[in-house]
Amino acid sequence: MPSLLSADFANLQSAIESVPSADALHVDVMDNHFVPNLTLGLPVVESIRSVTEAMLDIHLMIEDPDRWAPGYADAGAESVTFHIEAASAPVRLARELRNRGARAGMALKPATPIEAYRDLLPEIDMVLIMTVEPGFGGQKFLDLMLPKITRTRELLDAVGGDIWLQIDGGVSVETIERCAEAGADAFVAGSAVFNADDPDAMVQTLRTLTSPG
C-alpha cells in the first residue's frame, strides 16, 4: 500500500487518485515528540476520508496514542496502528479501536523485540514491523529486520486468525520479495511508489513481486 508520507502534501487528492490500484492508503501521523518529524493529524485524515473510499491505514507515531488513536477510528479509518513503545494500556486501546470499527494494529520499532508481546497478539489485527527507524521517508531498508519478520510470522501462525504482518520502511522492488519470503503479507511503500514515473504501475509491480509463484 502506498504511503502518503512520500506524496506531495500540497496535492494529496491528486496523489490518492494516482494510485487507484492500491489495496489501501497508508497515512503516517507524526507528532515531533515520539519521532523527530511533524506530519499531519486528524483534520487532514478527515479530509482524506472525504475524497476517497479506499481503505485508510493509519500509522500513529505519536505519544499518548491511548488518548488520540480512537479519534482516527471515529474518523472512518479502517485500520489504526499505534506504537507499543508509546501505549500505556495496549490491550485496552486495541479493544477500544475494535469497538469503534477499526482493525487494531501494533507497531514495533526496529530495536523492539516481538517476543515480549506474544500474549497480546490475540487482541490485535496487525503487527507492523518497522524496517527503518521511524520518522522519515526514503530511508534504506534494514536487512537485519528479516529474522525478526520470520520470528513474528511464526508467532502469528501459532496464534492463528486473521492477523496481518505489515512491513514499513525502505520497501521497493529490490527488497519486497525478501520481506514476503520472510513472512510479511502487507507492505508499505512510499518513495518507491510516488517517485516512480507511473505510481499506479509501481503499485501493481510490487504486488506482483509478492504473489506466490
N, C-alpha and C. Protein backbone atom coordinates (compact mmCIF):
# COMPACT_ATOMS: atom_id res chain seq x y z
N MET A 1 0.84 -1.19 0.00
CA MET A 1 0.00 0.00 0.00
C MET A 1 0.88 1.25 0.00
N PRO A 2 0.52 2.25 -0.78
CA PRO A 2 1.33 3.46 -0.86
C PRO A 2 1.28 4.27 0.43
N SER A 3 2.42 4.83 0.80
CA SER A 3 2.49 5.70 1.96
C SER A 3 2.41 7.15 1.50
N LEU A 4 1.42 7.87 1.99
CA LEU A 4 1.26 9.26 1.60
C LEU A 4 2.34 10.16 2.17
N LEU A 5 3.19 9.63 3.06
CA LEU A 5 4.31 10.42 3.57
C LEU A 5 5.21 10.89 2.44
N SER A 6 5.27 10.11 1.37
CA SER A 6 6.13 10.45 0.24
C SER A 6 5.39 11.19 -0.86
N ALA A 7 4.12 11.48 -0.65
CA ALA A 7 3.34 12.21 -1.64
C ALA A 7 3.53 13.72 -1.46
N ASP A 8 3.04 14.46 -2.43
CA ASP A 8 3.06 15.92 -2.37
C ASP A 8 1.94 16.37 -1.44
N PHE A 9 2.29 16.88 -0.25
CA PHE A 9 1.27 17.26 0.73
C PHE A 9 0.37 18.39 0.22
N ALA A 10 0.84 19.16 -0.75
CA ALA A 10 0.01 20.23 -1.30
C ALA A 10 -1.01 19.70 -2.30
N ASN A 11 -0.85 18.44 -2.69
CA ASN A 11 -1.75 17.85 -3.69
C ASN A 11 -2.10 16.41 -3.30
N LEU A 12 -2.58 16.25 -2.08
CA LEU A 12 -2.84 14.90 -1.60
C LEU A 12 -3.94 14.20 -2.39
N GLN A 13 -4.97 14.92 -2.77
CA GLN A 13 -6.04 14.27 -3.54
C GLN A 13 -5.51 13.76 -4.87
N SER A 14 -4.67 14.54 -5.53
CA SER A 14 -4.08 14.08 -6.80
C SER A 14 -3.22 12.85 -6.57
N ALA A 15 -2.47 12.84 -5.47
CA ALA A 15 -1.63 11.68 -5.17
C ALA A 15 -2.49 10.45 -4.94
N ILE A 16 -3.59 10.62 -4.20
CA ILE A 16 -4.50 9.50 -3.96
C ILE A 16 -5.08 8.98 -5.27
N GLU A 17 -5.46 9.89 -6.15
CA GLU A 17 -6.06 9.50 -7.43
C GLU A 17 -5.04 8.86 -8.37
N SER A 18 -3.74 9.04 -8.08
CA SER A 18 -2.71 8.49 -8.95
C SER A 18 -2.44 7.02 -8.68
N VAL A 19 -3.04 6.46 -7.62
CA VAL A 19 -2.80 5.05 -7.27
C VAL A 19 -4.13 4.31 -7.08
N PRO A 20 -4.98 4.29 -8.11
CA PRO A 20 -6.29 3.64 -7.96
C PRO A 20 -6.20 2.14 -7.70
N SER A 21 -5.08 1.51 -8.02
CA SER A 21 -4.95 0.06 -7.81
C SER A 21 -4.55 -0.31 -6.39
N ALA A 22 -4.26 0.68 -5.57
CA ALA A 22 -3.78 0.39 -4.22
C ALA A 22 -4.83 -0.34 -3.39
N ASP A 23 -4.38 -1.30 -2.60
CA ASP A 23 -5.28 -2.02 -1.69
C ASP A 23 -5.72 -1.13 -0.54
N ALA A 24 -4.89 -0.15 -0.19
CA ALA A 24 -5.18 0.78 0.90
C ALA A 24 -4.22 1.95 0.78
N LEU A 25 -4.49 2.99 1.55
CA LEU A 25 -3.60 4.14 1.64
C LEU A 25 -3.04 4.21 3.05
N HIS A 26 -1.72 4.25 3.15
CA HIS A 26 -1.04 4.29 4.44
C HIS A 26 -0.78 5.75 4.80
N VAL A 27 -1.23 6.16 5.98
CA VAL A 27 -1.11 7.55 6.40
C VAL A 27 -0.29 7.62 7.68
N ASP A 28 0.86 8.27 7.60
CA ASP A 28 1.75 8.40 8.75
C ASP A 28 1.44 9.68 9.52
N VAL A 29 1.13 9.52 10.79
CA VAL A 29 0.86 10.65 11.68
C VAL A 29 2.02 10.75 12.67
N MET A 30 2.75 11.87 12.62
CA MET A 30 3.91 12.07 13.49
C MET A 30 3.75 13.36 14.27
N ASP A 31 4.19 13.34 15.54
CA ASP A 31 3.92 14.48 16.43
C ASP A 31 5.16 15.28 16.82
N ASN A 32 6.32 14.94 16.27
CA ASN A 32 7.59 15.61 16.59
C ASN A 32 8.00 15.39 18.05
N HIS A 33 7.43 14.39 18.69
CA HIS A 33 7.81 14.02 20.04
C HIS A 33 8.24 12.55 20.07
N PHE A 34 7.33 11.66 19.68
CA PHE A 34 7.68 10.24 19.63
C PHE A 34 8.73 9.99 18.55
N VAL A 35 8.63 10.71 17.44
CA VAL A 35 9.63 10.67 16.38
C VAL A 35 10.00 12.11 16.03
N PRO A 36 11.19 12.33 15.47
CA PRO A 36 11.66 13.69 15.20
C PRO A 36 11.14 14.25 13.87
N ASN A 37 9.85 14.24 13.71
CA ASN A 37 9.25 14.80 12.50
C ASN A 37 7.80 15.13 12.81
N LEU A 38 7.26 16.09 12.09
CA LEU A 38 5.88 16.51 12.25
C LEU A 38 5.21 16.41 10.89
N THR A 39 4.12 15.64 10.82
CA THR A 39 3.47 15.48 9.51
C THR A 39 2.06 16.04 9.55
N LEU A 40 1.08 15.19 9.68
CA LEU A 40 -0.31 15.63 9.63
C LEU A 40 -1.09 14.97 10.75
N GLY A 41 -2.31 15.46 10.96
CA GLY A 41 -3.10 14.94 12.07
C GLY A 41 -4.53 14.65 11.68
N LEU A 42 -5.39 14.61 12.67
CA LEU A 42 -6.76 14.19 12.47
C LEU A 42 -7.52 15.03 11.44
N PRO A 43 -7.42 16.36 11.43
CA PRO A 43 -8.17 17.14 10.43
C PRO A 43 -7.81 16.76 8.99
N VAL A 44 -6.53 16.49 8.74
CA VAL A 44 -6.13 16.10 7.38
C VAL A 44 -6.64 14.70 7.05
N VAL A 45 -6.60 13.81 8.03
CA VAL A 45 -7.14 12.46 7.80
C VAL A 45 -8.63 12.54 7.49
N GLU A 46 -9.35 13.39 8.20
CA GLU A 46 -10.77 13.58 7.91
C GLU A 46 -10.97 14.09 6.49
N SER A 47 -10.08 14.99 6.04
CA SER A 47 -10.18 15.50 4.67
C SER A 47 -9.87 14.40 3.65
N ILE A 48 -8.87 13.57 3.95
CA ILE A 48 -8.56 12.45 3.07
C ILE A 48 -9.75 11.50 2.97
N ARG A 49 -10.37 11.22 4.12
CA ARG A 49 -11.53 10.33 4.14
C ARG A 49 -12.65 10.86 3.25
N SER A 50 -12.78 12.18 3.15
CA SER A 50 -13.88 12.78 2.38
C SER A 50 -13.68 12.68 0.87
N VAL A 51 -12.43 12.37 0.43
CA VAL A 51 -12.18 12.35 -1.01
C VAL A 51 -11.86 10.95 -1.54
N THR A 52 -11.88 9.93 -0.66
CA THR A 52 -11.59 8.58 -1.14
C THR A 52 -12.37 7.55 -0.36
N GLU A 53 -12.73 6.47 -1.06
CA GLU A 53 -13.35 5.33 -0.41
C GLU A 53 -12.34 4.22 -0.15
N ALA A 54 -11.09 4.48 -0.49
CA ALA A 54 -10.05 3.48 -0.26
C ALA A 54 -9.87 3.24 1.23
N MET A 55 -9.42 2.04 1.57
CA MET A 55 -9.11 1.73 2.96
C MET A 55 -8.02 2.67 3.45
N LEU A 56 -8.23 3.26 4.62
CA LEU A 56 -7.21 4.11 5.24
C LEU A 56 -6.52 3.34 6.37
N ASP A 57 -5.23 3.24 6.24
CA ASP A 57 -4.38 2.52 7.18
C ASP A 57 -3.54 3.56 7.90
N ILE A 58 -3.93 3.91 9.13
CA ILE A 58 -3.29 4.99 9.87
C ILE A 58 -2.17 4.44 10.74
N HIS A 59 -0.99 5.04 10.63
CA HIS A 59 0.16 4.64 11.44
C HIS A 59 0.50 5.81 12.36
N LEU A 60 0.20 5.64 13.64
CA LEU A 60 0.39 6.71 14.62
C LEU A 60 1.77 6.60 15.26
N MET A 61 2.64 7.53 14.89
CA MET A 61 3.95 7.64 15.52
C MET A 61 3.89 8.83 16.46
N ILE A 62 3.14 8.65 17.55
CA ILE A 62 2.83 9.75 18.45
C ILE A 62 2.91 9.29 19.90
N GLU A 63 3.13 10.26 20.79
CA GLU A 63 2.98 9.99 22.21
C GLU A 63 1.50 9.94 22.58
N ASP A 64 1.20 9.21 23.60
CA ASP A 64 -0.17 9.10 24.14
C ASP A 64 -1.20 8.63 23.12
N PRO A 65 -0.92 7.53 22.42
CA PRO A 65 -1.93 7.01 21.49
C PRO A 65 -3.20 6.57 22.20
N ASP A 66 -3.09 6.22 23.49
CA ASP A 66 -4.29 5.83 24.25
C ASP A 66 -5.34 6.93 24.19
N ARG A 67 -4.89 8.16 24.18
CA ARG A 67 -5.81 9.30 24.12
C ARG A 67 -6.27 9.61 22.70
N TRP A 68 -5.35 9.55 21.75
CA TRP A 68 -5.64 10.10 20.42
C TRP A 68 -6.08 9.07 19.38
N ALA A 69 -5.67 7.83 19.52
CA ALA A 69 -5.95 6.84 18.47
C ALA A 69 -7.43 6.62 18.19
N PRO A 70 -8.30 6.54 19.21
CA PRO A 70 -9.72 6.28 18.91
C PRO A 70 -10.36 7.30 17.98
N GLY A 71 -9.88 8.54 17.99
CA GLY A 71 -10.43 9.55 17.11
C GLY A 71 -10.25 9.24 15.65
N TYR A 72 -9.19 8.52 15.33
CA TYR A 72 -8.95 8.15 13.93
C TYR A 72 -9.91 7.05 13.49
N ALA A 73 -10.26 6.16 14.39
CA ALA A 73 -11.29 5.17 14.09
C ALA A 73 -12.64 5.87 13.88
N ASP A 74 -12.93 6.84 14.74
CA ASP A 74 -14.18 7.59 14.60
C ASP A 74 -14.23 8.36 13.29
N ALA A 75 -13.06 8.74 12.77
CA ALA A 75 -13.00 9.50 11.51
C ALA A 75 -13.21 8.61 10.29
N GLY A 76 -13.30 7.30 10.51
CA GLY A 76 -13.58 6.40 9.40
C GLY A 76 -12.41 5.59 8.90
N ALA A 77 -11.27 5.64 9.61
CA ALA A 77 -10.13 4.82 9.21
C ALA A 77 -10.42 3.35 9.51
N GLU A 78 -10.16 2.51 8.53
CA GLU A 78 -10.44 1.08 8.70
C GLU A 78 -9.39 0.36 9.53
N SER A 79 -8.19 0.95 9.62
CA SER A 79 -7.10 0.34 10.38
C SER A 79 -6.33 1.44 11.09
N VAL A 80 -6.09 1.26 12.38
CA VAL A 80 -5.35 2.25 13.17
C VAL A 80 -4.25 1.51 13.93
N THR A 81 -3.01 1.91 13.68
CA THR A 81 -1.86 1.26 14.30
C THR A 81 -1.18 2.21 15.27
N PHE A 82 -0.93 1.73 16.48
CA PHE A 82 -0.21 2.51 17.49
C PHE A 82 1.11 1.83 17.80
N HIS A 83 2.08 2.60 18.29
CA HIS A 83 3.36 2.02 18.68
C HIS A 83 3.27 1.46 20.08
N ILE A 84 3.71 0.22 20.21
CA ILE A 84 3.66 -0.44 21.51
C ILE A 84 4.55 0.30 22.52
N GLU A 85 5.61 0.95 22.02
CA GLU A 85 6.52 1.67 22.92
C GLU A 85 5.86 2.89 23.54
N ALA A 86 4.78 3.39 22.93
CA ALA A 86 4.13 4.61 23.40
C ALA A 86 2.82 4.37 24.13
N ALA A 87 2.26 3.18 24.02
CA ALA A 87 0.94 2.90 24.59
C ALA A 87 1.06 2.54 26.07
N SER A 88 0.20 3.14 26.88
CA SER A 88 0.18 2.84 28.31
C SER A 88 -0.63 1.59 28.61
N ALA A 89 -1.72 1.39 27.88
CA ALA A 89 -2.61 0.25 28.10
C ALA A 89 -2.97 -0.34 26.74
N PRO A 90 -2.05 -1.07 26.11
CA PRO A 90 -2.26 -1.51 24.73
C PRO A 90 -3.46 -2.43 24.52
N VAL A 91 -3.75 -3.30 25.46
CA VAL A 91 -4.90 -4.19 25.29
C VAL A 91 -6.19 -3.37 25.32
N ARG A 92 -6.30 -2.48 26.28
CA ARG A 92 -7.49 -1.64 26.35
C ARG A 92 -7.63 -0.79 25.09
N LEU A 93 -6.52 -0.25 24.59
CA LEU A 93 -6.57 0.58 23.39
C LEU A 93 -6.99 -0.25 22.17
N ALA A 94 -6.41 -1.44 22.04
CA ALA A 94 -6.77 -2.29 20.91
C ALA A 94 -8.26 -2.64 20.93
N ARG A 95 -8.76 -2.94 22.10
CA ARG A 95 -10.19 -3.27 22.21
C ARG A 95 -11.06 -2.05 21.89
N GLU A 96 -10.60 -0.88 22.31
CA GLU A 96 -11.35 0.35 22.02
C GLU A 96 -11.40 0.61 20.51
N LEU A 97 -10.29 0.42 19.83
CA LEU A 97 -10.26 0.61 18.37
C LEU A 97 -11.19 -0.38 17.68
N ARG A 98 -11.16 -1.62 18.11
CA ARG A 98 -12.05 -2.62 17.52
C ARG A 98 -13.51 -2.28 17.80
N ASN A 99 -13.79 -1.80 19.00
CA ASN A 99 -15.17 -1.43 19.33
C ASN A 99 -15.68 -0.29 18.46
N ARG A 100 -14.76 0.53 17.99
CA ARG A 100 -15.14 1.66 17.14
C ARG A 100 -15.08 1.33 15.66
N GLY A 101 -14.87 0.05 15.35
CA GLY A 101 -14.98 -0.40 13.96
C GLY A 101 -13.71 -0.46 13.16
N ALA A 102 -12.56 -0.27 13.81
CA ALA A 102 -11.29 -0.30 13.09
C ALA A 102 -10.50 -1.56 13.44
N ARG A 103 -9.67 -1.98 12.52
CA ARG A 103 -8.67 -3.00 12.85
C ARG A 103 -7.62 -2.35 13.73
N ALA A 104 -7.15 -3.06 14.74
CA ALA A 104 -6.16 -2.54 15.67
C ALA A 104 -4.79 -3.09 15.31
N GLY A 105 -3.86 -2.18 15.08
CA GLY A 105 -2.50 -2.58 14.74
C GLY A 105 -1.52 -2.21 15.82
N MET A 106 -0.47 -3.02 15.96
CA MET A 106 0.61 -2.79 16.92
C MET A 106 1.92 -2.66 16.17
N ALA A 107 2.57 -1.50 16.29
CA ALA A 107 3.82 -1.26 15.58
C ALA A 107 5.00 -1.39 16.53
N LEU A 108 6.13 -1.88 15.99
CA LEU A 108 7.35 -2.04 16.76
C LEU A 108 8.50 -1.37 16.03
N LYS A 109 9.27 -0.57 16.77
CA LYS A 109 10.50 -0.01 16.24
C LYS A 109 11.50 -1.14 15.98
N PRO A 110 12.54 -0.86 15.19
CA PRO A 110 13.49 -1.94 14.88
C PRO A 110 14.10 -2.63 16.10
N ALA A 111 14.37 -1.89 17.17
CA ALA A 111 15.03 -2.48 18.33
C ALA A 111 14.08 -3.13 19.31
N THR A 112 12.78 -3.06 19.07
CA THR A 112 11.79 -3.62 19.99
C THR A 112 11.52 -5.08 19.64
N PRO A 113 11.75 -6.00 20.56
CA PRO A 113 11.53 -7.42 20.25
C PRO A 113 10.05 -7.77 20.25
N ILE A 114 9.68 -8.69 19.37
CA ILE A 114 8.28 -9.12 19.29
C ILE A 114 7.94 -10.09 20.42
N GLU A 115 8.91 -10.84 20.88
CA GLU A 115 8.63 -11.92 21.83
C GLU A 115 7.97 -11.43 23.11
N ALA A 116 8.30 -10.22 23.53
CA ALA A 116 7.75 -9.69 24.78
C ALA A 116 6.25 -9.46 24.70
N TYR A 117 5.71 -9.44 23.47
CA TYR A 117 4.31 -9.10 23.29
C TYR A 117 3.48 -10.24 22.71
N ARG A 118 4.00 -11.45 22.80
CA ARG A 118 3.30 -12.59 22.20
C ARG A 118 1.91 -12.78 22.81
N ASP A 119 1.76 -12.49 24.10
CA ASP A 119 0.47 -12.69 24.74
C ASP A 119 -0.57 -11.66 24.30
N LEU A 120 -0.13 -10.55 23.69
CA LEU A 120 -1.05 -9.52 23.22
C LEU A 120 -1.60 -9.84 21.83
N LEU A 121 -0.97 -10.75 21.12
CA LEU A 121 -1.30 -10.96 19.71
C LEU A 121 -2.78 -11.30 19.46
N PRO A 122 -3.45 -12.06 20.31
CA PRO A 122 -4.87 -12.33 20.04
C PRO A 122 -5.75 -11.09 20.12
N GLU A 123 -5.23 -10.00 20.69
CA GLU A 123 -6.01 -8.78 20.86
C GLU A 123 -5.88 -7.83 19.67
N ILE A 124 -5.01 -8.15 18.73
CA ILE A 124 -4.76 -7.21 17.64
C ILE A 124 -5.03 -7.85 16.29
N ASP A 125 -5.08 -6.99 15.28
CA ASP A 125 -5.38 -7.43 13.91
C ASP A 125 -4.18 -7.31 12.98
N MET A 126 -3.13 -6.62 13.43
CA MET A 126 -1.95 -6.45 12.59
C MET A 126 -0.73 -6.13 13.44
N VAL A 127 0.40 -6.70 13.06
CA VAL A 127 1.69 -6.31 13.62
C VAL A 127 2.45 -5.58 12.51
N LEU A 128 2.94 -4.39 12.84
CA LEU A 128 3.75 -3.61 11.90
C LEU A 128 5.19 -3.63 12.37
N ILE A 129 6.05 -4.22 11.57
CA ILE A 129 7.47 -4.24 11.85
C ILE A 129 8.12 -3.10 11.06
N MET A 130 8.70 -2.16 11.80
CA MET A 130 9.43 -1.08 11.13
C MET A 130 10.77 -1.61 10.63
N THR A 131 11.04 -1.41 9.35
CA THR A 131 12.30 -1.86 8.75
C THR A 131 13.22 -0.67 8.47
N VAL A 132 12.88 0.47 9.07
CA VAL A 132 13.77 1.63 9.21
C VAL A 132 13.43 2.23 10.57
N GLU A 133 14.27 3.16 11.05
CA GLU A 133 13.91 3.90 12.24
C GLU A 133 12.79 4.86 11.88
N PRO A 134 11.67 4.85 12.60
CA PRO A 134 10.53 5.66 12.22
C PRO A 134 10.83 7.16 12.32
N GLY A 135 10.21 7.91 11.40
CA GLY A 135 10.33 9.36 11.46
C GLY A 135 10.44 10.02 10.11
N PHE A 136 11.09 9.36 9.16
CA PHE A 136 11.31 9.98 7.85
C PHE A 136 11.17 8.95 6.74
N GLY A 137 10.66 9.39 5.60
CA GLY A 137 10.58 8.53 4.43
C GLY A 137 11.91 8.48 3.69
N GLY A 138 12.00 7.54 2.76
CA GLY A 138 13.17 7.47 1.89
C GLY A 138 14.40 6.82 2.50
N GLN A 139 14.25 6.15 3.66
CA GLN A 139 15.41 5.54 4.30
C GLN A 139 15.72 4.17 3.69
N LYS A 140 16.95 3.71 3.92
CA LYS A 140 17.41 2.43 3.41
C LYS A 140 16.87 1.29 4.27
N PHE A 141 16.38 0.26 3.62
CA PHE A 141 15.85 -0.94 4.28
C PHE A 141 16.91 -1.59 5.16
N LEU A 142 16.51 -1.97 6.39
CA LEU A 142 17.42 -2.62 7.32
C LEU A 142 17.29 -4.14 7.18
N ASP A 143 18.27 -4.76 6.53
CA ASP A 143 18.22 -6.21 6.31
C ASP A 143 18.19 -7.00 7.61
N LEU A 144 18.75 -6.43 8.68
CA LEU A 144 18.78 -7.17 9.94
C LEU A 144 17.39 -7.37 10.53
N MET A 145 16.36 -6.79 9.94
CA MET A 145 15.00 -7.00 10.40
C MET A 145 14.38 -8.28 9.85
N LEU A 146 14.99 -8.88 8.85
CA LEU A 146 14.39 -10.07 8.23
C LEU A 146 14.20 -11.22 9.22
N PRO A 147 15.16 -11.54 10.08
CA PRO A 147 14.91 -12.59 11.08
C PRO A 147 13.76 -12.24 12.02
N LYS A 148 13.62 -10.98 12.36
CA LYS A 148 12.52 -10.56 13.23
C LYS A 148 11.18 -10.76 12.54
N ILE A 149 11.13 -10.50 11.24
CA ILE A 149 9.90 -10.75 10.47
C ILE A 149 9.56 -12.24 10.52
N THR A 150 10.56 -13.08 10.33
CA THR A 150 10.34 -14.53 10.36
C THR A 150 9.84 -14.98 11.73
N ARG A 151 10.45 -14.47 12.80
CA ARG A 151 10.02 -14.85 14.15
C ARG A 151 8.59 -14.39 14.41
N THR A 152 8.26 -13.21 13.92
CA THR A 152 6.90 -12.70 14.10
C THR A 152 5.90 -13.56 13.35
N ARG A 153 6.25 -13.96 12.14
CA ARG A 153 5.37 -14.82 11.36
C ARG A 153 5.09 -16.13 12.10
N GLU A 154 6.12 -16.68 12.70
CA GLU A 154 5.95 -17.93 13.44
C GLU A 154 5.00 -17.74 14.62
N LEU A 155 5.13 -16.63 15.33
CA LEU A 155 4.24 -16.36 16.46
C LEU A 155 2.81 -16.16 15.98
N LEU A 156 2.63 -15.43 14.89
CA LEU A 156 1.28 -15.19 14.37
C LEU A 156 0.63 -16.49 13.90
N ASP A 157 1.41 -17.34 13.27
CA ASP A 157 0.86 -18.63 12.82
C ASP A 157 0.43 -19.47 14.02
N ALA A 158 1.16 -19.36 15.12
CA ALA A 158 0.80 -20.12 16.31
C ALA A 158 -0.49 -19.60 16.93
N VAL A 159 -0.69 -18.30 16.87
CA VAL A 159 -1.92 -17.70 17.40
C VAL A 159 -3.11 -18.01 16.51
N GLY A 160 -2.89 -17.94 15.19
CA GLY A 160 -3.97 -18.18 14.24
C GLY A 160 -4.82 -16.93 14.06
N GLY A 161 -5.84 -17.05 13.23
CA GLY A 161 -6.71 -15.92 12.98
C GLY A 161 -6.19 -15.03 11.86
N ASP A 162 -6.88 -13.93 11.66
CA ASP A 162 -6.58 -13.02 10.56
C ASP A 162 -5.75 -11.84 11.07
N ILE A 163 -4.49 -12.13 11.42
CA ILE A 163 -3.58 -11.08 11.88
C ILE A 163 -2.56 -10.81 10.77
N TRP A 164 -2.58 -9.59 10.26
CA TRP A 164 -1.67 -9.23 9.18
C TRP A 164 -0.29 -8.93 9.74
N LEU A 165 0.73 -9.16 8.91
CA LEU A 165 2.11 -8.80 9.24
C LEU A 165 2.58 -7.79 8.20
N GLN A 166 2.66 -6.55 8.64
CA GLN A 166 2.97 -5.44 7.74
C GLN A 166 4.42 -4.99 7.91
N ILE A 167 5.03 -4.61 6.80
CA ILE A 167 6.40 -4.12 6.77
C ILE A 167 6.38 -2.68 6.26
N ASP A 168 7.13 -1.81 6.94
CA ASP A 168 7.15 -0.40 6.57
C ASP A 168 8.56 0.14 6.71
N GLY A 169 9.12 0.61 5.58
CA GLY A 169 10.43 1.22 5.61
C GLY A 169 11.37 0.66 4.56
N GLY A 170 11.68 1.45 3.56
CA GLY A 170 12.62 1.02 2.53
C GLY A 170 12.10 -0.07 1.63
N VAL A 171 10.78 -0.24 1.55
CA VAL A 171 10.19 -1.28 0.71
C VAL A 171 10.24 -0.82 -0.75
N SER A 172 10.78 -1.67 -1.61
CA SER A 172 10.94 -1.35 -3.03
C SER A 172 11.02 -2.63 -3.83
N VAL A 173 11.21 -2.51 -5.12
CA VAL A 173 11.35 -3.71 -5.96
C VAL A 173 12.58 -4.52 -5.55
N GLU A 174 13.56 -3.87 -4.93
CA GLU A 174 14.77 -4.57 -4.51
C GLU A 174 14.61 -5.32 -3.19
N THR A 175 13.63 -4.94 -2.37
CA THR A 175 13.53 -5.51 -1.02
C THR A 175 12.23 -6.26 -0.74
N ILE A 176 11.18 -6.02 -1.50
CA ILE A 176 9.86 -6.53 -1.13
C ILE A 176 9.78 -8.06 -1.18
N GLU A 177 10.50 -8.68 -2.12
CA GLU A 177 10.44 -10.14 -2.21
C GLU A 177 11.05 -10.79 -0.96
N ARG A 178 12.12 -10.21 -0.44
CA ARG A 178 12.74 -10.75 0.77
C ARG A 178 11.78 -10.65 1.95
N CYS A 179 11.04 -9.55 2.01
CA CYS A 179 10.06 -9.39 3.09
C CYS A 179 8.96 -10.43 2.99
N ALA A 180 8.48 -10.68 1.77
CA ALA A 180 7.43 -11.68 1.57
C ALA A 180 7.93 -13.07 1.92
N GLU A 181 9.14 -13.39 1.52
CA GLU A 181 9.72 -14.70 1.81
C GLU A 181 9.90 -14.90 3.31
N ALA A 182 10.16 -13.80 4.03
CA ALA A 182 10.33 -13.88 5.48
C ALA A 182 9.00 -14.05 6.20
N GLY A 183 7.89 -13.75 5.52
CA GLY A 183 6.58 -13.98 6.13
C GLY A 183 5.64 -12.81 6.15
N ALA A 184 6.05 -11.65 5.63
CA ALA A 184 5.16 -10.49 5.61
C ALA A 184 4.06 -10.68 4.56
N ASP A 185 2.88 -10.11 4.85
CA ASP A 185 1.79 -10.20 3.87
C ASP A 185 1.12 -8.85 3.60
N ALA A 186 1.66 -7.77 4.19
CA ALA A 186 1.18 -6.42 3.90
C ALA A 186 2.41 -5.52 3.82
N PHE A 187 2.43 -4.64 2.83
CA PHE A 187 3.66 -3.92 2.52
C PHE A 187 3.36 -2.44 2.29
N VAL A 188 4.14 -1.59 2.94
CA VAL A 188 4.01 -0.14 2.77
C VAL A 188 5.18 0.36 1.96
N ALA A 189 4.90 1.07 0.89
CA ALA A 189 5.95 1.64 0.05
C ALA A 189 5.63 3.11 -0.21
N GLY A 190 6.56 3.96 0.09
CA GLY A 190 6.34 5.39 -0.07
C GLY A 190 7.07 5.96 -1.27
N SER A 191 8.36 6.24 -1.10
CA SER A 191 9.11 6.86 -2.19
C SER A 191 9.20 5.97 -3.41
N ALA A 192 9.20 4.64 -3.20
CA ALA A 192 9.25 3.74 -4.35
C ALA A 192 8.04 3.93 -5.25
N VAL A 193 6.90 4.28 -4.67
CA VAL A 193 5.68 4.49 -5.45
C VAL A 193 5.61 5.91 -5.99
N PHE A 194 5.71 6.89 -5.10
CA PHE A 194 5.43 8.26 -5.53
C PHE A 194 6.60 8.93 -6.25
N ASN A 195 7.78 8.32 -6.22
CA ASN A 195 8.88 8.83 -7.03
C ASN A 195 8.95 8.14 -8.39
N ALA A 196 8.07 7.18 -8.61
CA ALA A 196 8.04 6.47 -9.89
C ALA A 196 7.35 7.32 -10.96
N ASP A 197 7.72 7.08 -12.20
CA ASP A 197 7.08 7.80 -13.30
C ASP A 197 5.59 7.52 -13.36
N ASP A 198 5.22 6.28 -13.05
CA ASP A 198 3.81 5.87 -13.03
C ASP A 198 3.54 5.20 -11.68
N PRO A 199 3.06 5.96 -10.69
CA PRO A 199 2.87 5.39 -9.36
C PRO A 199 1.98 4.15 -9.34
N ASP A 200 0.90 4.16 -10.12
CA ASP A 200 -0.01 3.02 -10.08
C ASP A 200 0.61 1.78 -10.69
N ALA A 201 1.40 1.96 -11.73
CA ALA A 201 2.11 0.82 -12.32
C ALA A 201 3.09 0.23 -11.32
N MET A 202 3.71 1.09 -10.50
CA MET A 202 4.63 0.59 -9.48
C MET A 202 3.88 -0.20 -8.41
N VAL A 203 2.69 0.28 -8.03
CA VAL A 203 1.86 -0.48 -7.08
C VAL A 203 1.61 -1.88 -7.62
N GLN A 204 1.26 -1.98 -8.89
CA GLN A 204 0.96 -3.28 -9.48
C GLN A 204 2.21 -4.15 -9.58
N THR A 205 3.35 -3.53 -9.88
CA THR A 205 4.61 -4.27 -9.94
C THR A 205 4.97 -4.85 -8.58
N LEU A 206 4.86 -4.04 -7.54
CA LEU A 206 5.17 -4.51 -6.19
C LEU A 206 4.24 -5.64 -5.77
N ARG A 207 2.97 -5.53 -6.13
CA ARG A 207 2.02 -6.60 -5.80
C ARG A 207 2.41 -7.90 -6.49
N THR A 208 2.82 -7.81 -7.75
CA THR A 208 3.23 -9.00 -8.49
C THR A 208 4.43 -9.68 -7.83
N LEU A 209 5.35 -8.89 -7.31
CA LEU A 209 6.54 -9.45 -6.68
C LEU A 209 6.26 -10.18 -5.39
N THR A 210 5.09 -9.95 -4.80
CA THR A 210 4.75 -10.63 -3.54
C THR A 210 3.76 -11.76 -3.76
N SER A 211 3.36 -11.99 -5.01
CA SER A 211 2.40 -13.04 -5.30
C SER A 211 3.09 -14.39 -5.37
N PRO A 212 2.51 -15.43 -4.80
CA PRO A 212 3.11 -16.76 -4.87
C PRO A 212 3.34 -17.20 -6.31
N GLY A 213 4.44 -17.83 -6.57
CA GLY A 213 4.73 -18.32 -7.90
C GLY A 213 5.23 -17.24 -8.81
